[in-house]
Structures are given as structure tokens and as C-alpha cells.
Amino acid sequence: MTALSQTGFAVASAVVSRGAPLLAVFVAARLLSPEQFGGFAVAMAVHNLLGALVSGGGDLWLNRFTWRPFAKGNWAAAVRYRYLEICLAIAGVVAVGTVAVSFVPALGKWHELTLAIGLSACVVGLSEVLFAILRSGGQVVPFFLLRDLIGPVLFVLLLLVVAPQSAAAAILLLPVAAALPVVVTAFFLRAKGLIRDGRRNAQRICSGLRLQRLLRHTAVLLIGNLVSRLAGTIDIYVLGALVSAATIGEYRVAGQLALGFLVVQHFVFLGLPWQMRRFGSPDEIAARYAEVRKRYLLLMGASSLALIALLAVSEPLLALFGPRFVAVQSIFGLLLAIRYINLLWGPQHQMLVSNGYIMKDVLAFAVALLVWIGVFALFSRFTDLMYAAAIGHAAASLAAHYYRHRLLLALGITPLVTAWPMIIAIAASYFVVVGAALYLSP
């Protein structure tokens, strides 16, 4: 398959993999009671966090070793086997911890759901490990097909066929949906010899100091992955502890729809190699920069049209999930506006990552997390909690993006947005959102 075909296939799989979770939320909202759907909404956020923990960073773990000359033969088998061993150990800890936590009396009626989340996350997280090994062996098409197409579609179909009546039953369909892709992946791994003789090679090659380095590598990826995910879902965890299950379910739908808006950004930049690295002649760097700017302008044009369309149909769109979800129409509009304003900054996260500054980018997520907590704590004293959460996102986004902007300049990387009038206008837009949230708050 040509590079162009692979890119097209990646886009198609991205459409399904990003659209299927939203469709799953839609189906669950129609099947479950308001309380159980709220539990399902929080459970999915926790499940994704634990799954990332179990997978040790997912396919990113092996990226460091995939394209090097020694990523073949005995060395590759040894590293993949050690990766699998590390993730199995993490899964064991998560499983034991889940069983212990599920008996905490404070959980009340959510014991069964807690157990389902942890055990399902172990299975799904380990399936991500196998997918990562498959991808590291150059099996790109099977990787996208099994992970991003078959798995998500099977989960939605199982929801429709089984029609679970509880959040725990719905969550347990996730490992069932992963069963077929995992079996097929295991067949591919064996047929391609991607982990053959891994144990013997790991004992000989990846032991002692090298094993310590692999463990440090795992720790760095886990920290980055968990901090970034927490920064994006902290509102779900906090609100889940403070409001009713039905309310958090309604808020989650608004947030999921607004987050789906970022699919536009993903599609625009998916096929673009991040060539913003500092190498080559000034003319070559300028040419790559111009290509990124071109994509940025395309992104903003498409995003502006999408924003207008989504705001225009927000009420009937939310009503599809059920009449009660229309109540969060204003929250949906606020979150949608925040996502749109975030796009105005340009691909700062991608610029940092493409230049190898992954941990520095993690600090930006940490800034966002801390700012959200502080601002939410402040505004929750005198406004509705859902609106305080939206205000927290506006403040956290502004802080994180400005931090990345200053960081890029300090590293000698030219951001797409450099003119101060534009930066001031973007910053002012967040304050408009905050004002709207205070005005609309009950």
C-alpha cells in the first residue's frame, strides 16, 4: 500500500474511531436511566485513564525503537517482550487495586461499576499493548483496521444488541468488543514473528541497566499521558463527586459533542508531516512553515463553518440524546466556543512534540490542570458548578496556550501566531466566554 493510501486509510479509521465513542454515548443515553447514564459517563472517563496506565503509553512506548536500524531481529523481539511484561505488571497492580477499592463503603451502590471499570481497563489496556506491537512491526493497515475500525464498531453494535440496563453491564461490553481484534492481532504477531523468542532475548539483551532505562522510559510516558488526560477530564471527576449522576451525564454529553468538534483539526493536520524541526537551510524551514500555515488557514475556515452550523442546530442535536439534554444547550455553546478559540493559537502542541519537547509540553498540561482547579474552586463559590467548570476550562486553556507560546519562542521555534494584536484578541475571547458563562449561570 502506498503512503498516500495509508494516509487515506488512517483518515477513514480516524473518522470511525472518533465518531464511534460519540455514537456509543448516544446509544447509552437512550438505553440507560439518567442516573445509570451519569455513572456510565464518569466510568468511561476513568476507564480511558486506567487503560492509558495499563498500556504504558500505548503505541507511543515503541515509537522510540520502531524506526531505528536496530529495531529488527533479536533487539526488537526483546524490547517488545519487555514492554509486554511491564504492562502486564501494571495491569496486575490495577486489577488488585480495583478489587480493593470496590469494597470501599463510600462507593455506595457503585461497587459493581467500580469493579467493571478496573477489570475492563486491564483487558482493553493490554489489547492496546498488542496493537502497539503490531504497529511497531510495520503492520499499519491491520493496526488501523483492528484498533480503530473493528473494535469501536463492535462496541456500538453490542450496545444495540445487548441493550444493557446498567452502567456496569455497558462497560463490560468493552472487553467483549476487544476480544475479536485481540485474537486476530495475536495471530498476526505469531505469523509475522514480531515477538518470537522474546523472553530469551529479553533476558540476554534487556536486563540490568537497560531494563532500568526501559522502566524510566515507561514512567516518563505514563506521567505525560496521565497529566494530559487529567487536564482534559478533570471536570468530569470533580463534578462527578459534587453533582447528581443525572446532571453529570447531561454535562458529559455537551462536553463530548464539543470535543468532537476537534475532529476537524485532526483531519486537517493528519496527513501533514510535522516538519517544523530546526534542521535544513532557512529556505527549507520557511517552505515547511508555509505549508503548516496553509493548513492552519484551511483549518480555521472549516472550523468557523462547523462552529456556526453546530451552534445553529445545538438544540435539535442535543434533543437527539433525549429531551432532558436540551437543558445543557448553553453549556454546550460555551464549551464549543472554548474549543474554537483554542484552535486560533495554531498547532502549538504538535510543534513542541515534533521537535522532541514532549516533557515540556506535558508541563503545559500541568499548568492547565492547576489553573482549572484554582479557577473552579473560586467560581464555584458563587455560580452554578457546570458553569464554573466551563469558566475553569477557559482560564486553563488561556494559561496553557500562552505558556506554550512563550515556550516556543524561548526554544527558537516560530509559532504561527506571533503578532501581539492577534494574541490579545484571542485572550480577550476567553474573557468573553467567562462573561457569557456568568450571565447565563442560574
Protein backbone atom coordinates (compact mmCIF):
# COMPACT_ATOMS: atom_id res chain seq x y z
CA MET A 1 0.00 0.00 0.00
CA THR A 2 1.36 3.43 -0.95
CA ALA A 3 1.97 6.21 1.56
CA LEU A 4 -0.99 8.13 0.13
CA SER A 5 -3.27 5.11 0.50
CA GLN A 6 -2.09 4.57 4.07
CA THR A 7 -2.87 8.20 4.87
CA GLY A 8 -6.34 7.85 3.38
CA PHE A 9 -6.92 4.68 5.35
CA ALA A 10 -5.74 6.45 8.51
CA VAL A 11 -8.24 9.24 7.90
CA ALA A 12 -11.06 6.74 7.39
CA SER A 13 -10.18 4.90 10.57
CA ALA A 14 -9.95 8.20 12.44
CA VAL A 15 -13.49 9.06 11.33
CA VAL A 16 -14.78 5.81 12.78
CA SER A 17 -12.61 5.70 15.91
CA ARG A 18 -13.51 9.26 16.88
CA GLY A 19 -17.14 9.02 15.82
CA ALA A 20 -17.88 5.64 17.42
CA PRO A 21 -17.41 6.81 21.05
CA LEU A 22 -19.86 9.65 20.42
CA LEU A 23 -22.30 7.18 18.87
CA ALA A 24 -21.81 4.90 21.87
CA VAL A 25 -22.69 7.78 24.20
CA PHE A 26 -25.80 8.44 22.11
CA VAL A 27 -26.92 4.80 22.31
CA ALA A 28 -26.19 4.62 26.05
CA ALA A 29 -28.14 7.83 26.68
CA ARG A 30 -31.18 6.29 25.00
CA LEU A 31 -30.88 2.94 26.81
CA LEU A 32 -29.88 3.83 30.36
CA SER A 33 -31.75 5.69 33.05
CA PRO A 34 -30.49 9.24 33.80
CA GLU A 35 -28.65 8.03 36.90
CA GLN A 36 -27.08 5.00 35.22
CA PHE A 37 -26.08 7.07 32.20
CA GLY A 38 -24.33 9.54 34.50
CA GLY A 39 -22.42 6.63 36.01
CA PHE A 40 -21.56 5.41 32.50
CA ALA A 41 -20.27 8.88 31.52
CA VAL A 42 -17.91 9.09 34.50
CA ALA A 43 -16.95 5.43 34.10
CA MET A 44 -15.81 5.95 30.52
CA ALA A 45 -13.51 8.80 31.56
CA VAL A 46 -11.99 6.72 34.37
CA HIS A 47 -11.76 3.70 32.07
CA ASN A 48 -9.76 5.66 29.50
CA LEU A 49 -7.41 6.93 32.20
CA LEU A 50 -6.76 3.45 33.61
CA GLY A 51 -6.43 1.99 30.11
CA ALA A 52 -3.69 4.51 29.36
CA LEU A 53 -1.98 3.49 32.59
CA VAL A 54 -2.09 -0.22 31.75
CA SER A 55 -0.81 0.31 28.20
CA GLY A 56 2.25 2.20 29.44
CA GLY A 57 1.66 5.00 26.94
CA GLY A 58 0.22 2.83 24.15
CA ASP A 59 1.89 2.79 20.74
CA LEU A 60 3.99 5.79 21.82
CA TRP A 61 6.02 3.43 24.00
CA LEU A 62 7.51 1.66 21.00
CA ASN A 63 7.88 4.76 18.80
CA ARG A 64 11.33 5.36 20.22
CA PHE A 65 12.50 1.99 18.91
CA THR A 66 10.42 1.49 15.77
CA TRP A 67 12.39 3.43 13.16
CA ARG A 68 15.94 2.74 14.30
CA PRO A 69 18.27 0.34 12.49
CA PHE A 70 18.40 -1.96 15.49
CA ALA A 71 14.57 -2.20 15.66
CA LYS A 72 14.75 -5.55 13.92
CA GLY A 73 15.50 -9.12 14.85
CA ASN A 74 16.59 -10.02 18.37
CA TRP A 75 16.66 -6.48 19.75
CA ALA A 76 13.10 -5.75 18.56
CA ALA A 77 11.78 -9.02 20.00
CA ALA A 78 13.49 -8.30 23.32
CA VAL A 79 12.13 -4.77 23.64
CA ARG A 80 8.59 -5.82 22.69
CA TYR A 81 8.66 -8.63 25.21
CA ARG A 82 9.86 -6.30 27.98
CA TYR A 83 7.13 -3.84 27.02
CA LEU A 84 4.54 -6.60 27.36
CA GLU A 85 6.00 -7.69 30.71
CA ILE A 86 5.97 -4.15 32.11
CA CYS A 87 2.35 -3.63 31.07
CA LEU A 88 1.29 -6.99 32.49
CA ALA A 89 2.80 -5.94 35.81
CA ILE A 90 0.93 -2.62 35.70
CA ALA A 91 -2.30 -4.45 34.84
CA GLY A 92 -1.81 -6.72 37.85
CA VAL A 93 -1.46 -3.73 40.16
CA VAL A 94 -4.53 -2.04 38.64
CA ALA A 95 -6.60 -5.24 38.97
CA VAL A 96 -5.67 -5.75 42.63
CA GLY A 97 -6.23 -2.06 43.38
CA THR A 98 -9.62 -2.15 41.68
CA VAL A 99 -10.80 -5.14 43.70
CA ALA A 100 -9.66 -3.44 46.91
CA VAL A 101 -11.27 -0.10 46.07
CA SER A 102 -14.55 -1.72 45.01
CA PHE A 103 -15.17 -2.70 48.65
CA VAL A 104 -14.84 0.86 49.99
CA PRO A 105 -18.17 1.65 51.71
CA ALA A 106 -18.20 5.24 50.42
CA LEU A 107 -18.87 3.96 46.89
CA GLY A 108 -22.38 3.01 47.92
CA LYS A 109 -24.25 1.40 45.03
CA TRP A 110 -21.36 1.88 42.58
CA HIS A 111 -19.31 -1.14 43.78
CA GLU A 112 -20.18 -3.24 40.74
CA LEU A 113 -19.42 -0.39 38.34
CA THR A 114 -16.03 0.25 40.00
CA LEU A 115 -15.06 -3.38 39.61
CA ALA A 116 -16.21 -3.40 35.98
CA ILE A 117 -14.18 -0.27 35.16
CA GLY A 118 -10.90 -1.59 36.55
CA LEU A 119 -11.08 -5.11 35.15
CA SER A 120 -12.28 -3.90 31.75
CA ALA A 121 -9.48 -1.29 31.64
CA CYS A 122 -6.92 -4.05 32.25
CA VAL A 123 -8.19 -6.09 29.30
CA VAL A 124 -8.57 -3.13 26.94
CA GLY A 125 -5.23 -1.63 28.04
CA LEU A 126 -3.41 -4.89 27.33
CA SER A 127 -5.11 -5.10 23.94
CA GLU A 128 -3.58 -1.67 23.21
CA VAL A 129 -0.19 -3.19 24.00
CA LEU A 130 -0.70 -5.90 21.37
CA PHE A 131 -1.88 -3.30 18.86
CA ALA A 132 1.25 -1.24 19.59
CA ILE A 133 3.48 -4.25 18.94
CA LEU A 134 1.62 -4.88 15.69
CA ARG A 135 2.18 -1.28 14.58
CA SER A 136 5.87 -1.36 15.53
CA GLY A 137 6.33 -4.26 13.14
CA GLY A 138 5.16 -2.14 10.21
CA GLN A 139 1.67 -3.71 10.06
CA VAL A 140 -0.02 -0.33 9.67
CA VAL A 141 -3.18 -1.40 7.85
CA PRO A 142 -4.05 -4.28 10.25
CA PHE A 143 -3.31 -1.90 13.14
CA PHE A 144 -5.81 0.73 11.97
CA LEU A 145 -8.34 -1.91 10.88
CA LEU A 146 -8.35 -3.81 14.17
CA ARG A 147 -7.92 -0.97 16.66
CA ASP A 148 -9.73 1.95 15.06
CA LEU A 149 -12.40 0.28 12.92
CA ILE A 150 -13.44 -3.16 14.12
CA GLY A 151 -13.15 -2.58 17.87
CA PRO A 152 -15.18 0.66 18.12
CA VAL A 153 -17.85 -0.59 15.71
CA LEU A 154 -18.25 -3.86 17.64
CA PHE A 155 -18.77 -1.94 20.88
CA VAL A 156 -21.58 0.14 19.39
CA LEU A 157 -23.20 -2.97 17.86
CA LEU A 158 -23.01 -4.79 21.20
CA LEU A 159 -24.70 -1.87 22.94
CA LEU A 160 -27.52 -2.03 20.41
CA VAL A 161 -27.91 -5.83 20.53
CA VAL A 162 -27.46 -6.43 24.28
CA ALA A 163 -29.25 -3.20 25.34
CA PRO A 164 -27.68 -3.11 28.85
CA GLN A 165 -29.73 -1.56 31.62
CA SER A 166 -26.86 -0.64 33.92
CA ALA A 167 -23.60 1.28 33.54
CA ALA A 168 -21.59 -1.74 34.74
CA ALA A 169 -23.10 -4.00 32.09
CA ALA A 170 -22.38 -1.41 29.39
CA ILE A 171 -18.73 -1.05 30.47
CA LEU A 172 -18.21 -4.81 30.46
CA LEU A 173 -19.07 -4.83 26.76
CA LEU A 174 -15.78 -3.04 26.07
CA PRO A 175 -13.53 -6.09 26.70
CA VAL A 176 -16.04 -8.25 24.80
CA ALA A 177 -15.74 -5.94 21.81
CA ALA A 178 -11.94 -6.12 22.10
CA ALA A 179 -11.88 -9.94 22.06
CA LEU A 180 -12.03 -10.45 18.28
CA PRO A 181 -9.42 -7.76 17.42
CA VAL A 182 -7.10 -9.18 20.10
CA VAL A 183 -7.36 -12.74 18.77
CA VAL A 184 -6.65 -11.59 15.22
CA THR A 185 -3.76 -9.40 16.45
CA ALA A 186 -2.24 -12.34 18.33
CA PHE A 187 -2.41 -14.33 15.10
CA PHE A 188 -0.60 -11.56 13.23
CA LEU A 189 2.09 -11.29 15.90
CA ARG A 190 2.75 -15.01 15.71
CA ALA A 191 2.62 -15.17 11.90
CA LYS A 192 5.00 -12.21 11.49
CA GLY A 193 7.32 -13.33 14.28
CA LEU A 194 7.15 -9.92 15.95
CA ILE A 195 7.70 -11.25 19.46
CA ARG A 196 9.23 -14.67 18.73
CA ASP A 197 11.89 -15.76 21.24
CA GLY A 198 11.22 -12.52 23.09
CA ARG A 199 11.75 -13.92 26.56
CA ARG A 200 15.15 -15.44 25.83
CA ASN A 201 16.31 -12.31 24.02
CA ALA A 202 14.99 -10.04 26.77
CA GLN A 203 16.93 -11.94 29.43
CA ARG A 204 20.07 -11.64 27.33
CA ILE A 205 19.72 -8.12 25.91
CA CYS A 206 17.23 -6.09 28.00
CA SER A 207 18.33 -6.74 31.56
CA GLY A 208 20.14 -4.79 34.24
CA LEU A 209 20.86 -1.20 33.27
CA ARG A 210 18.93 -1.46 30.01
CA LEU A 211 15.84 -2.66 31.89
CA GLN A 212 16.14 0.33 34.23
CA ARG A 213 16.20 2.62 31.21
CA LEU A 214 13.08 0.97 29.82
CA LEU A 215 11.34 1.45 33.17
CA ARG A 216 12.31 5.14 33.20
CA HIS A 217 11.04 5.43 29.64
CA THR A 218 7.73 3.91 30.79
CA ALA A 219 7.49 6.29 33.74
CA VAL A 220 8.05 9.37 31.56
CA LEU A 221 5.37 8.31 29.08
CA LEU A 222 2.91 7.47 31.85
CA ILE A 223 3.37 10.82 33.53
CA GLY A 224 2.86 12.66 30.27
CA ASN A 225 -0.13 10.56 29.27
CA LEU A 226 -1.88 10.77 32.63
CA VAL A 227 -1.30 14.51 33.10
CA SER A 228 -2.62 15.31 29.62
CA ARG A 229 -5.69 13.13 30.11
CA LEU A 230 -6.36 14.55 33.57
CA ALA A 231 -6.15 18.08 32.20
CA GLY A 232 -8.89 17.24 29.70
CA THR A 233 -11.22 15.31 32.03
CA ILE A 234 -10.68 16.83 35.48
CA ASP A 235 -14.12 18.47 35.24
CA ILE A 236 -15.79 15.05 34.93
CA TYR A 237 -14.12 13.69 38.06
CA VAL A 238 -14.77 16.80 40.16
CA LEU A 239 -18.36 17.29 39.04
CA GLY A 240 -18.98 13.57 39.42
CA ALA A 241 -18.25 13.94 43.13
CA LEU A 242 -20.30 17.12 43.57
CA VAL A 243 -23.46 16.85 41.46
CA SER A 244 -26.05 14.15 40.81
CA ALA A 245 -25.33 11.32 38.40
CA ALA A 246 -28.06 12.57 36.06
CA THR A 247 -26.54 16.06 35.93
CA ILE A 248 -23.03 14.82 35.16
CA GLY A 249 -24.47 12.70 32.36
CA GLU A 250 -26.03 15.77 30.75
CA TYR A 251 -22.79 17.75 31.14
CA ARG A 252 -20.77 14.89 29.68
CA VAL A 253 -22.87 14.82 26.51
CA ALA A 254 -22.28 18.55 25.99
CA GLY A 255 -18.55 18.06 26.55
CA GLN A 256 -18.34 15.06 24.20
CA LEU A 257 -20.08 16.94 21.41
CA ALA A 258 -17.79 19.93 21.87
CA LEU A 259 -14.73 17.68 21.96
CA GLY A 260 -15.85 16.05 18.73
CA PHE A 261 -15.50 19.48 17.16
CA LEU A 262 -11.72 18.98 17.37
CA VAL A 263 -12.04 16.16 14.84
CA VAL A 264 -11.89 18.95 12.25
CA GLN A 265 -8.38 19.81 13.45
CA HIS A 266 -7.34 16.18 13.39
CA PHE A 267 -8.45 15.69 9.79
CA VAL A 268 -6.80 18.87 8.55
CA PHE A 269 -3.39 18.02 10.00
CA LEU A 270 -3.48 14.21 9.86
CA GLY A 271 -1.63 13.86 6.56
CA LEU A 272 0.82 16.69 7.20
CA PRO A 273 4.32 15.64 8.27
CA TRP A 274 5.40 17.83 11.16
CA GLN A 275 8.46 19.30 9.52
CA MET A 276 8.84 22.23 11.90
CA ARG A 277 12.05 20.79 13.26
CA ARG A 278 15.10 23.02 13.32
CA PHE A 279 17.16 21.44 10.56
CA GLY A 280 17.96 22.21 6.96
CA SER A 281 18.53 25.53 5.26
CA PRO A 282 16.49 28.65 6.11
CA ASP A 283 14.67 28.30 2.78
CA GLU A 284 13.67 24.72 3.57
CA ILE A 285 12.43 25.70 7.02
CA ALA A 286 10.45 28.59 5.53
CA ALA A 287 8.84 26.27 2.95
CA ARG A 288 7.73 23.82 5.64
CA TYR A 289 6.44 26.69 7.77
CA ALA A 290 4.40 27.99 4.83
CA GLU A 291 2.81 24.57 4.36
CA VAL A 292 1.77 24.45 8.01
CA ARG A 293 0.34 27.98 7.79
CA LYS A 294 -1.63 26.95 4.71
CA ARG A 295 -3.14 24.05 6.61
CA TYR A 296 -3.85 26.37 9.55
CA LEU A 297 -5.86 28.74 7.37
CA LEU A 298 -7.77 25.80 5.94
CA LEU A 299 -8.45 24.61 9.47
CA MET A 300 -9.81 27.97 10.62
CA GLY A 301 -12.08 28.26 7.58
CA ALA A 302 -13.53 24.79 8.09
CA SER A 303 -13.78 25.28 11.86
CA SER A 304 -15.62 28.58 11.50
CA LEU A 305 -18.24 26.95 9.29
CA ALA A 306 -18.51 23.98 11.67
CA LEU A 307 -18.92 26.31 14.67
CA ILE A 308 -21.75 28.24 13.02
CA ALA A 309 -23.50 25.03 11.94
CA LEU A 310 -23.24 23.38 15.36
CA LEU A 311 -24.49 26.46 17.21
CA ALA A 312 -27.42 26.71 14.79
CA VAL A 313 -28.52 23.11 15.37
CA SER A 314 -27.45 22.77 19.01
CA GLU A 315 -30.98 22.37 20.39
CA PRO A 316 -32.19 19.62 17.99
CA LEU A 317 -28.76 17.98 18.19
CA LEU A 318 -28.94 17.68 21.98
CA ALA A 319 -32.59 16.62 21.77
CA LEU A 320 -31.48 13.52 19.84
CA PHE A 321 -29.96 12.23 23.09
CA GLY A 322 -33.21 12.89 24.94
CA PRO A 323 -35.38 15.89 25.87
CA ARG A 324 -33.56 16.45 29.16
CA PHE A 325 -30.27 17.15 27.39
CA VAL A 326 -31.61 20.38 25.89
CA ALA A 327 -31.07 21.90 29.35
CA VAL A 328 -27.28 21.97 28.73
CA GLN A 329 -27.56 23.86 25.43
CA SER A 330 -25.84 26.95 26.86
CA ILE A 331 -23.05 24.82 28.39
CA PHE A 332 -22.56 23.15 25.01
CA GLY A 333 -22.29 26.55 23.33
CA LEU A 334 -19.71 27.75 25.87
CA LEU A 335 -17.56 24.63 25.59
CA LEU A 336 -17.81 24.77 21.80
CA ALA A 337 -16.63 28.40 21.81
CA ILE A 338 -13.67 27.50 24.04
CA ARG A 339 -12.62 24.68 21.69
CA TYR A 340 -12.84 27.05 18.74
CA ILE A 341 -10.75 29.74 20.45
CA ASN A 342 -8.14 27.10 21.27
CA LEU A 343 -7.71 26.44 17.55
CA LEU A 344 -6.82 30.09 16.94
CA TRP A 345 -3.47 29.57 18.67
CA GLY A 346 -2.35 27.17 15.97
CA PRO A 347 -0.73 23.73 16.39
CA GLN A 348 1.47 24.59 19.39
CA HIS A 349 1.24 21.12 20.94
CA GLN A 350 2.22 19.48 17.65
CA MET A 351 5.16 21.86 17.17
CA LEU A 352 6.59 21.00 20.57
CA VAL A 353 6.12 17.26 20.12
CA SER A 354 7.54 17.23 16.58
CA ASN A 355 10.68 18.92 17.87
CA GLY A 356 11.12 16.38 20.66
CA TYR A 357 10.00 18.58 23.58
CA ILE A 358 7.44 16.10 24.89
CA MET A 359 8.02 16.68 28.61
CA LYS A 360 7.97 20.45 28.14
CA ASP A 361 4.57 20.05 26.50
CA VAL A 362 3.47 17.97 29.48
CA LEU A 363 4.25 20.97 31.69
CA ALA A 364 1.70 22.95 29.68
CA PHE A 365 -0.92 20.31 30.50
CA ALA A 366 0.12 20.52 34.15
CA VAL A 367 -0.36 24.30 34.05
CA ALA A 368 -3.84 23.80 32.59
CA LEU A 369 -4.71 21.27 35.29
CA LEU A 370 -3.62 23.52 38.16
CA VAL A 371 -5.32 26.61 36.71
CA TRP A 372 -8.58 24.73 36.20
CA ILE A 373 -8.59 23.53 39.80
CA GLY A 374 -7.91 27.01 41.18
CA VAL A 375 -10.42 28.84 38.96
CA PHE A 376 -13.13 26.24 39.50
CA ALA A 377 -12.66 26.43 43.27
CA LEU A 378 -13.02 30.22 43.08
CA PHE A 379 -16.07 30.48 40.80
CA SER A 380 -17.91 27.51 42.30
CA ARG A 381 -18.48 29.66 45.40
CA PHE A 382 -20.94 31.95 43.65
CA THR A 383 -22.07 30.32 40.39
CA ASP A 384 -23.51 27.03 39.14
CA LEU A 385 -20.96 24.22 39.20
CA MET A 386 -21.30 23.37 35.49
CA TYR A 387 -20.71 27.00 34.53
CA ALA A 388 -17.79 27.18 36.96
CA ALA A 389 -16.32 24.15 35.15
CA ALA A 390 -16.67 25.90 31.79
CA ILE A 391 -15.03 29.05 33.18
CA GLY A 392 -12.23 26.86 34.50
CA HIS A 393 -11.66 25.44 31.02
CA ALA A 394 -11.50 28.93 29.52
CA ALA A 395 -8.89 30.05 32.06
CA ALA A 396 -6.90 26.81 31.84
CA SER A 397 -6.82 26.93 28.03
CA LEU A 398 -5.62 30.54 28.04
CA ALA A 399 -2.86 29.78 30.55
CA ALA A 400 -1.66 26.62 28.77
CA HIS A 401 -1.65 28.16 25.29
CA TYR A 402 0.14 31.30 26.38
CA TYR A 403 2.67 29.14 28.24
CA ARG A 404 3.27 27.12 25.05
CA HIS A 405 3.56 30.33 23.05
CA ARG A 406 6.32 31.68 25.30
CA LEU A 407 7.97 28.27 25.39
CA LEU A 408 8.13 28.03 21.60
CA LEU A 409 9.72 31.47 21.38
CA ALA A 410 12.26 30.56 24.07
CA LEU A 411 13.18 27.38 22.16
CA GLY A 412 13.69 29.30 18.92
CA ILE A 413 10.60 27.84 17.21
CA THR A 414 8.39 30.40 15.50
CA PRO A 415 4.70 29.89 16.40
CA LEU A 416 2.06 30.53 13.77
CA VAL A 417 0.51 33.32 15.87
CA THR A 418 3.20 35.91 16.67
CA ALA A 419 1.52 39.33 16.33
CA TRP A 420 0.56 40.79 19.70
CA PRO A 421 -2.77 42.25 18.46
CA MET A 422 -3.83 38.74 17.47
CA ILE A 423 -2.69 37.28 20.81
CA ILE A 424 -4.57 39.97 22.74
CA ALA A 425 -7.70 39.35 20.65
CA ILE A 426 -7.52 35.60 21.34
CA ALA A 427 -7.04 36.21 25.06
CA ALA A 428 -9.98 38.64 25.13
CA SER A 429 -12.18 35.97 23.55
CA TYR A 430 -11.74 33.76 26.62
CA PHE A 431 -12.90 36.64 28.83
CA VAL A 432 -16.00 37.00 26.64
CA VAL A 433 -16.76 33.32 27.29
CA VAL A 434 -16.30 33.84 31.03
CA GLY A 435 -18.67 36.82 30.93
CA ALA A 436 -21.24 34.80 28.99
CA ALA A 437 -20.96 31.95 31.50
CA LEU A 438 -21.57 34.32 34.42
CA TYR A 439 -24.52 35.89 32.60
CA LEU A 440 -26.12 32.53 31.71
CA SER A 441 -25.48 30.87 35.07
CA PRO A 442 -28.72 30.30 37.04
